[in-house]
N, C-alpha and C. Protein backbone atom coordinates (compact mmCIF):
# COMPACT_ATOMS: atom_id res chain seq x y z
N MET A 1 1.10 -8.55 -0.47
CA MET A 1 1.39 -9.79 -1.38
C MET A 1 1.02 -9.13 -2.80
N THR A 2 1.75 -9.89 -3.71
CA THR A 2 1.61 -9.17 -5.17
C THR A 2 0.92 -10.20 -6.06
N ASP A 3 0.74 -9.78 -7.10
CA ASP A 3 0.00 -10.49 -8.09
C ASP A 3 -1.25 -11.38 -7.86
N GLN A 4 -2.00 -10.47 -6.96
CA GLN A 4 -3.14 -10.92 -6.73
C GLN A 4 -4.61 -10.42 -7.11
N ILE A 5 -5.48 -11.18 -7.25
CA ILE A 5 -6.71 -10.64 -7.61
C ILE A 5 -7.94 -10.88 -6.41
N THR A 6 -8.69 -9.99 -6.03
CA THR A 6 -9.93 -10.43 -5.09
C THR A 6 -10.92 -9.70 -5.61
N ILE A 7 -11.93 -10.33 -5.81
CA ILE A 7 -13.02 -9.72 -6.15
C ILE A 7 -14.02 -9.92 -5.51
N SER A 8 -14.82 -8.76 -4.90
CA SER A 8 -16.25 -9.14 -3.93
C SER A 8 -17.14 -8.33 -4.17
N TYR A 9 -18.66 -8.79 -3.74
CA TYR A 9 -19.82 -8.09 -3.96
C TYR A 9 -19.90 -7.43 -2.70
N GLU A 10 -20.02 -5.82 -2.94
CA GLU A 10 -20.35 -5.06 -1.88
C GLU A 10 -21.80 -4.34 -1.75
N GLY A 11 -22.62 -5.12 -2.06
CA GLY A 11 -23.96 -4.75 -2.22
C GLY A 11 -24.79 -3.94 -3.58
N ASP A 12 -23.73 -2.94 -3.56
CA ASP A 12 -24.10 -1.87 -4.66
C ASP A 12 -23.18 -1.97 -5.82
N HIS A 13 -22.17 -2.59 -5.86
CA HIS A 13 -21.18 -2.64 -6.73
C HIS A 13 -20.28 -3.88 -6.55
N ILE A 14 -19.54 -4.32 -7.40
CA ILE A 14 -18.34 -5.44 -7.46
C ILE A 14 -17.14 -4.33 -7.62
N LEU A 15 -16.44 -5.08 -6.37
CA LEU A 15 -14.72 -4.53 -5.98
C LEU A 15 -14.00 -5.59 -6.36
N ALA A 16 -13.18 -5.13 -7.39
CA ALA A 16 -11.86 -5.56 -8.25
C ALA A 16 -10.78 -5.13 -7.52
N LEU A 17 -9.76 -5.77 -6.87
CA LEU A 17 -8.77 -5.48 -6.19
C LEU A 17 -7.51 -6.44 -6.85
N SER A 18 -6.49 -5.51 -7.24
CA SER A 18 -5.52 -6.56 -8.10
C SER A 18 -4.17 -5.51 -7.49
N ASN A 19 -3.28 -6.32 -7.60
CA ASN A 19 -1.91 -5.87 -7.37
C ASN A 19 -0.93 -6.66 -8.13
N GLY A 20 0.46 -6.16 -8.15
CA GLY A 20 1.60 -6.86 -8.95
C GLY A 20 1.68 -6.49 -10.37
N ALA A 21 2.59 -7.46 -11.03
CA ALA A 21 3.07 -7.01 -12.21
C ALA A 21 1.37 -7.53 -13.05
N LYS A 22 1.48 -6.77 -14.11
CA LYS A 22 0.13 -7.42 -15.26
C LYS A 22 0.79 -7.67 -16.50
N ASN A 23 0.10 -8.43 -17.07
CA ASN A 23 0.19 -9.15 -18.04
C ASN A 23 -1.00 -9.58 -19.10
N TYR A 24 -0.82 -10.13 -20.33
CA TYR A 24 -1.93 -10.31 -20.87
C TYR A 24 -2.83 -11.54 -20.26
N PRO A 25 -2.27 -12.68 -19.59
CA PRO A 25 -2.85 -13.67 -19.10
C PRO A 25 -3.56 -12.99 -17.61
N PHE A 26 -2.73 -12.22 -17.23
CA PHE A 26 -3.33 -11.51 -15.80
C PHE A 26 -4.78 -10.75 -16.14
N ILE A 27 -4.72 -10.23 -17.18
CA ILE A 27 -5.88 -9.27 -17.59
C ILE A 27 -7.20 -10.36 -17.72
N VAL A 28 -6.84 -11.26 -18.50
CA VAL A 28 -7.83 -12.25 -18.99
C VAL A 28 -8.49 -12.74 -17.68
N THR A 29 -7.56 -13.46 -16.84
CA THR A 29 -7.99 -13.89 -15.33
C THR A 29 -8.77 -12.81 -14.78
N LEU A 30 -8.38 -11.72 -14.30
CA LEU A 30 -8.96 -10.58 -13.94
C LEU A 30 -10.46 -10.32 -14.31
N TRP A 31 -10.32 -9.88 -15.89
CA TRP A 31 -11.66 -9.74 -16.18
C TRP A 31 -12.75 -10.79 -16.25
N THR A 32 -12.10 -12.19 -16.42
CA THR A 32 -13.15 -13.18 -16.34
C THR A 32 -13.82 -13.57 -14.89
N LYS A 33 -13.03 -13.11 -13.78
CA LYS A 33 -13.30 -13.35 -12.57
C LYS A 33 -14.10 -12.05 -12.15
N VAL A 34 -14.17 -11.01 -12.56
CA VAL A 34 -15.25 -9.53 -12.47
C VAL A 34 -16.27 -10.07 -13.07
N ARG A 35 -16.19 -10.38 -14.65
CA ARG A 35 -17.60 -10.60 -15.29
C ARG A 35 -18.32 -11.84 -14.39
N ASN A 36 -17.72 -12.75 -13.93
CA ASN A 36 -18.23 -13.94 -13.34
C ASN A 36 -19.22 -13.46 -12.08
N ALA A 37 -18.35 -12.65 -11.23
CA ALA A 37 -19.05 -11.96 -9.98
C ALA A 37 -20.00 -11.07 -10.60
N CYS A 38 -20.10 -10.30 -11.68
CA CYS A 38 -21.31 -9.64 -12.25
C CYS A 38 -22.37 -10.25 -12.28
N VAL A 39 -22.35 -11.38 -13.15
CA VAL A 39 -23.09 -12.21 -13.40
C VAL A 39 -24.07 -12.77 -12.11
N LYS A 40 -22.84 -13.65 -11.41
CA LYS A 40 -23.77 -14.10 -10.34
C LYS A 40 -24.48 -13.42 -9.30
N HIS A 41 -23.98 -12.18 -9.33
CA HIS A 41 -24.93 -11.11 -8.13
C HIS A 41 -25.65 -10.26 -9.01
N LYS A 42 -25.72 -10.33 -10.19
CA LYS A 42 -26.70 -9.28 -11.28
C LYS A 42 -26.42 -7.92 -10.84
N CYS A 43 -24.99 -7.67 -10.63
CA CYS A 43 -24.68 -6.49 -10.61
C CYS A 43 -23.52 -5.80 -11.65
N PHE A 44 -23.45 -4.66 -12.30
CA PHE A 44 -22.79 -4.44 -13.48
C PHE A 44 -22.19 -3.18 -13.20
N ASP A 45 -22.06 -2.42 -11.97
CA ASP A 45 -20.92 -1.90 -11.57
C ASP A 45 -19.87 -2.15 -10.64
N VAL A 46 -18.73 -1.93 -11.56
CA VAL A 46 -17.59 -2.47 -10.92
C VAL A 46 -16.40 -1.22 -10.55
N LEU A 47 -15.86 -1.16 -9.49
CA LEU A 47 -15.05 -0.48 -8.92
C LEU A 47 -13.82 -1.15 -8.43
N GLY A 48 -12.71 -0.79 -9.54
CA GLY A 48 -11.32 -1.67 -9.63
C GLY A 48 -10.26 -0.77 -8.94
N ILE A 49 -9.51 -1.31 -8.33
CA ILE A 49 -8.40 -0.69 -7.35
C ILE A 49 -7.08 -1.30 -7.79
N ALA A 50 -6.22 -1.02 -8.57
CA ALA A 50 -5.22 -1.64 -8.91
C ALA A 50 -3.97 -0.99 -8.33
N GLU A 51 -3.13 -1.87 -7.78
CA GLU A 51 -1.70 -1.37 -7.48
C GLU A 51 -0.44 -2.18 -8.48
N THR A 52 -0.41 -1.57 -9.43
CA THR A 52 0.59 -2.18 -10.72
C THR A 52 1.84 -1.98 -10.51
N THR A 53 2.53 -3.01 -10.05
CA THR A 53 3.99 -2.94 -10.21
C THR A 53 4.68 -3.03 -11.30
N VAL A 54 3.94 -3.46 -12.45
CA VAL A 54 4.69 -3.79 -13.68
C VAL A 54 3.61 -3.69 -14.72
N PRO A 55 3.36 -2.33 -15.32
CA PRO A 55 2.18 -2.19 -16.19
C PRO A 55 2.11 -3.10 -17.50
N ILE A 56 0.89 -3.30 -17.90
CA ILE A 56 0.84 -4.18 -19.40
C ILE A 56 1.65 -3.51 -20.37
N GLU A 57 1.90 -4.43 -21.40
CA GLU A 57 2.43 -3.48 -22.47
C GLU A 57 1.08 -2.89 -23.65
N THR A 58 1.84 -2.26 -24.11
CA THR A 58 0.58 -1.29 -25.27
C THR A 58 0.20 -2.22 -26.05
N GLY A 59 0.42 -3.35 -26.69
CA GLY A 59 0.02 -4.35 -27.44
C GLY A 59 -1.08 -5.19 -26.67
N ASP A 60 -0.84 -5.23 -25.42
CA ASP A 60 -1.91 -6.04 -24.64
C ASP A 60 -2.98 -5.24 -24.46
N ALA A 61 -2.86 -3.68 -24.24
CA ALA A 61 -3.93 -2.89 -23.86
C ALA A 61 -4.45 -2.50 -25.24
N LEU A 62 -4.09 -2.90 -26.21
CA LEU A 62 -5.08 -3.04 -27.31
C LEU A 62 -6.06 -4.02 -27.56
N LYS A 63 -5.55 -5.30 -26.94
CA LYS A 63 -6.43 -6.32 -26.94
C LYS A 63 -7.61 -6.29 -26.11
N ILE A 64 -7.45 -5.45 -25.11
CA ILE A 64 -8.40 -5.26 -24.08
C ILE A 64 -9.96 -5.45 -24.63
N ALA A 65 -10.13 -4.71 -25.55
CA ALA A 65 -11.77 -4.75 -26.15
C ALA A 65 -11.67 -6.13 -26.81
N ASP A 66 -10.95 -6.94 -27.25
CA ASP A 66 -11.34 -8.09 -27.61
C ASP A 66 -11.68 -8.99 -26.55
N VAL A 67 -10.74 -9.03 -25.27
CA VAL A 67 -11.03 -9.62 -24.15
C VAL A 67 -12.43 -9.40 -23.53
N PHE A 68 -12.85 -8.13 -23.66
CA PHE A 68 -14.12 -7.78 -23.31
C PHE A 68 -15.16 -8.19 -24.30
N GLY A 69 -15.07 -8.23 -25.39
CA GLY A 69 -16.04 -8.81 -26.45
C GLY A 69 -15.83 -10.37 -26.21
N ASP A 70 -15.32 -11.14 -25.96
CA ASP A 70 -15.24 -12.49 -25.66
C ASP A 70 -15.95 -12.67 -24.42
N LEU A 71 -15.69 -12.01 -23.46
CA LEU A 71 -16.46 -12.42 -22.21
C LEU A 71 -17.94 -11.47 -22.37
N GLY A 72 -18.27 -10.83 -22.96
CA GLY A 72 -19.57 -10.27 -23.17
C GLY A 72 -19.66 -9.15 -22.07
N ILE A 73 -18.63 -8.61 -21.93
CA ILE A 73 -18.69 -7.20 -21.06
C ILE A 73 -18.87 -6.17 -22.06
N ASP A 74 -20.15 -5.58 -21.76
CA ASP A 74 -20.98 -4.69 -22.77
C ASP A 74 -21.37 -3.43 -22.19
N ALA A 75 -21.81 -2.80 -22.78
CA ALA A 75 -22.60 -1.26 -22.42
C ALA A 75 -23.79 -1.46 -21.14
N LYS A 76 -23.78 -2.81 -20.65
CA LYS A 76 -24.87 -2.67 -19.23
C LYS A 76 -23.56 -2.85 -18.21
N PHE A 77 -22.39 -2.95 -18.56
CA PHE A 77 -21.52 -2.46 -17.40
C PHE A 77 -20.95 -1.32 -17.08
N ARG A 78 -20.51 -0.84 -15.79
CA ARG A 78 -20.01 0.65 -15.58
C ARG A 78 -18.66 0.27 -14.89
N ILE A 79 -17.69 0.70 -15.24
CA ILE A 79 -16.46 0.35 -14.53
C ILE A 79 -15.68 1.59 -14.24
N ALA A 80 -15.50 1.62 -13.00
CA ALA A 80 -14.39 2.89 -12.62
C ALA A 80 -13.37 2.35 -11.92
N TRP A 81 -12.10 2.28 -12.83
CA TRP A 81 -10.80 1.73 -12.51
C TRP A 81 -10.19 2.74 -12.11
N VAL A 82 -9.24 2.41 -10.95
CA VAL A 82 -8.29 3.18 -10.21
C VAL A 82 -7.18 2.43 -10.21
N GLU A 83 -6.09 3.55 -10.75
CA GLU A 83 -4.61 2.85 -10.82
C GLU A 83 -3.67 3.80 -9.86
N ILE A 84 -3.31 3.11 -9.06
CA ILE A 84 -2.53 3.92 -7.90
C ILE A 84 -1.02 4.37 -8.73
N ASN A 85 -0.53 3.43 -9.41
CA ASN A 85 0.40 3.53 -9.83
C ASN A 85 0.73 4.46 -11.25
N PRO A 86 1.23 5.73 -10.89
CA PRO A 86 0.88 6.89 -12.41
C PRO A 86 1.52 6.43 -13.30
N GLU A 87 2.64 5.48 -13.62
CA GLU A 87 3.23 4.83 -14.74
C GLU A 87 1.99 3.73 -15.31
N ALA A 88 1.61 3.15 -14.57
CA ALA A 88 0.58 2.12 -15.02
C ALA A 88 -0.79 2.86 -15.46
N TYR A 89 -1.04 4.13 -14.58
CA TYR A 89 -2.43 4.68 -15.01
C TYR A 89 -2.32 5.24 -16.46
N ARG A 90 -0.87 5.50 -16.96
CA ARG A 90 -1.10 5.99 -18.35
C ARG A 90 -1.53 4.96 -19.27
N ILE A 91 -0.82 3.65 -19.26
CA ILE A 91 -1.62 2.54 -19.87
C ILE A 91 -3.06 2.30 -19.62
N ALA A 92 -3.53 2.43 -18.64
CA ALA A 92 -4.89 2.24 -18.14
C ALA A 92 -5.87 3.15 -18.95
N TYR A 93 -5.32 4.37 -18.76
CA TYR A 93 -5.99 5.40 -19.68
C TYR A 93 -6.11 5.20 -20.98
N PHE A 94 -4.99 4.66 -21.59
CA PHE A 94 -4.89 4.31 -23.02
C PHE A 94 -5.65 3.23 -23.44
N ALA A 95 -5.97 2.13 -22.47
CA ALA A 95 -6.84 1.02 -22.59
C ALA A 95 -8.21 1.50 -22.88
N GLU A 96 -8.43 2.77 -21.66
CA GLU A 96 -9.87 3.12 -21.77
C GLU A 96 -10.33 3.73 -23.09
N SER A 97 -9.33 4.69 -23.47
CA SER A 97 -9.53 5.28 -24.83
C SER A 97 -9.85 3.90 -26.10
N VAL A 98 -8.95 2.82 -25.94
CA VAL A 98 -9.21 2.04 -26.83
C VAL A 98 -10.61 1.45 -26.86
N LEU A 99 -10.88 1.14 -25.57
CA LEU A 99 -12.63 0.57 -25.41
C LEU A 99 -13.41 1.71 -25.92
N ALA A 100 -13.33 2.77 -25.64
CA ALA A 100 -14.19 3.84 -26.13
C ALA A 100 -14.38 3.71 -27.30
N ASN A 101 -13.13 3.83 -28.37
CA ASN A 101 -13.26 3.66 -29.86
C ASN A 101 -13.75 2.39 -30.21
N LYS A 102 -14.05 1.50 -29.57
CA LYS A 102 -14.55 0.31 -30.02
C LYS A 102 -16.10 0.11 -29.52
N GLY A 103 -16.37 0.98 -29.01
CA GLY A 103 -18.03 1.26 -28.72
C GLY A 103 -18.39 0.93 -27.10
N PHE A 104 -17.36 0.68 -26.11
CA PHE A 104 -17.64 0.60 -24.81
C PHE A 104 -17.21 2.15 -24.14
N PRO A 105 -18.21 2.51 -24.04
CA PRO A 105 -18.31 3.93 -23.43
C PRO A 105 -18.58 3.80 -21.95
N GLY A 106 -18.91 2.56 -21.38
CA GLY A 106 -19.13 2.60 -20.02
C GLY A 106 -17.99 2.42 -18.91
N GLY A 107 -16.76 3.11 -19.12
CA GLY A 107 -15.60 2.82 -18.26
C GLY A 107 -15.02 4.10 -18.02
N ARG A 108 -14.41 4.07 -16.50
CA ARG A 108 -13.50 5.63 -16.85
C ARG A 108 -12.40 5.11 -15.64
N VAL A 109 -11.16 5.83 -15.89
CA VAL A 109 -9.95 5.53 -15.07
C VAL A 109 -9.76 6.31 -14.25
N PHE A 110 -9.26 6.39 -13.24
CA PHE A 110 -9.18 7.36 -12.39
C PHE A 110 -7.57 7.15 -11.53
N LEU A 111 -7.26 8.37 -10.87
CA LEU A 111 -6.04 8.05 -9.94
C LEU A 111 -6.62 8.38 -8.54
N ASP A 112 -7.85 8.30 -8.39
CA ASP A 112 -8.43 8.70 -6.74
C ASP A 112 -9.71 7.80 -6.81
N VAL A 113 -9.71 6.88 -5.55
CA VAL A 113 -10.45 6.15 -5.23
C VAL A 113 -12.02 6.69 -4.91
N ALA A 114 -11.76 7.68 -3.87
CA ALA A 114 -13.22 8.40 -3.77
C ALA A 114 -13.81 8.97 -5.04
N GLU A 115 -13.07 9.61 -5.99
CA GLU A 115 -13.30 10.18 -7.16
C GLU A 115 -14.14 8.88 -7.75
N ALA A 116 -13.71 7.82 -8.16
CA ALA A 116 -14.09 6.57 -8.95
C ALA A 116 -15.16 6.13 -8.37
N ARG A 117 -15.49 6.17 -6.98
CA ARG A 117 -16.65 5.47 -6.24
C ARG A 117 -17.79 6.56 -6.53
N GLU A 118 -17.59 7.80 -6.40
CA GLU A 118 -18.70 8.91 -6.76
C GLU A 118 -19.09 8.62 -8.22
N TRP A 119 -18.25 8.84 -9.19
CA TRP A 119 -18.76 8.59 -10.60
C TRP A 119 -19.38 7.27 -10.67
N LEU A 120 -19.11 6.39 -9.95
CA LEU A 120 -19.72 5.16 -10.11
C LEU A 120 -20.89 4.99 -9.62
N LEU A 121 -21.06 5.36 -8.43
CA LEU A 121 -22.05 5.00 -7.95
C LEU A 121 -23.02 6.46 -7.61
N GLY A 122 -22.60 7.41 -8.02
CA GLY A 122 -23.33 8.94 -7.88
C GLY A 122 -23.54 9.26 -6.53
N ALA A 123 -22.99 9.09 -5.74
CA ALA A 123 -23.23 9.32 -4.41
C ALA A 123 -22.02 10.23 -3.70
N SER A 124 -22.25 11.25 -3.02
CA SER A 124 -20.85 12.06 -2.18
C SER A 124 -20.37 10.99 -1.51
N VAL A 125 -18.92 10.96 -1.71
CA VAL A 125 -18.28 10.23 -0.80
C VAL A 125 -17.14 10.93 0.29
N SER A 126 -17.19 10.77 1.29
CA SER A 126 -16.52 11.50 2.27
C SER A 126 -15.25 10.86 2.64
């Protein structure tokens, strides 16, 4: 199925799965759900795995720092984001740079789930 968001608490991190076309309203919805799950479970380590069919626009990527600010997503959050689609990875990596430049150093974008999980949780993943 496409254009879906699934958020779950995995005991030591929040797992955010998303797929389909991405746009600004989708991004706001996604991060609102992630933030709500983090607050509910008092867990601020997030592993996101996205299979994006249509990446967000560059202008929308520039707004992600504002979305994070509005939602209170701050330095206590650690976010490892995996983008399966290489074309969408480029824009996700750009968004990572925007966030870092705006003072949010707690996130990284990956192409590989095992590498992202290891970075986030600090444990060797087989």
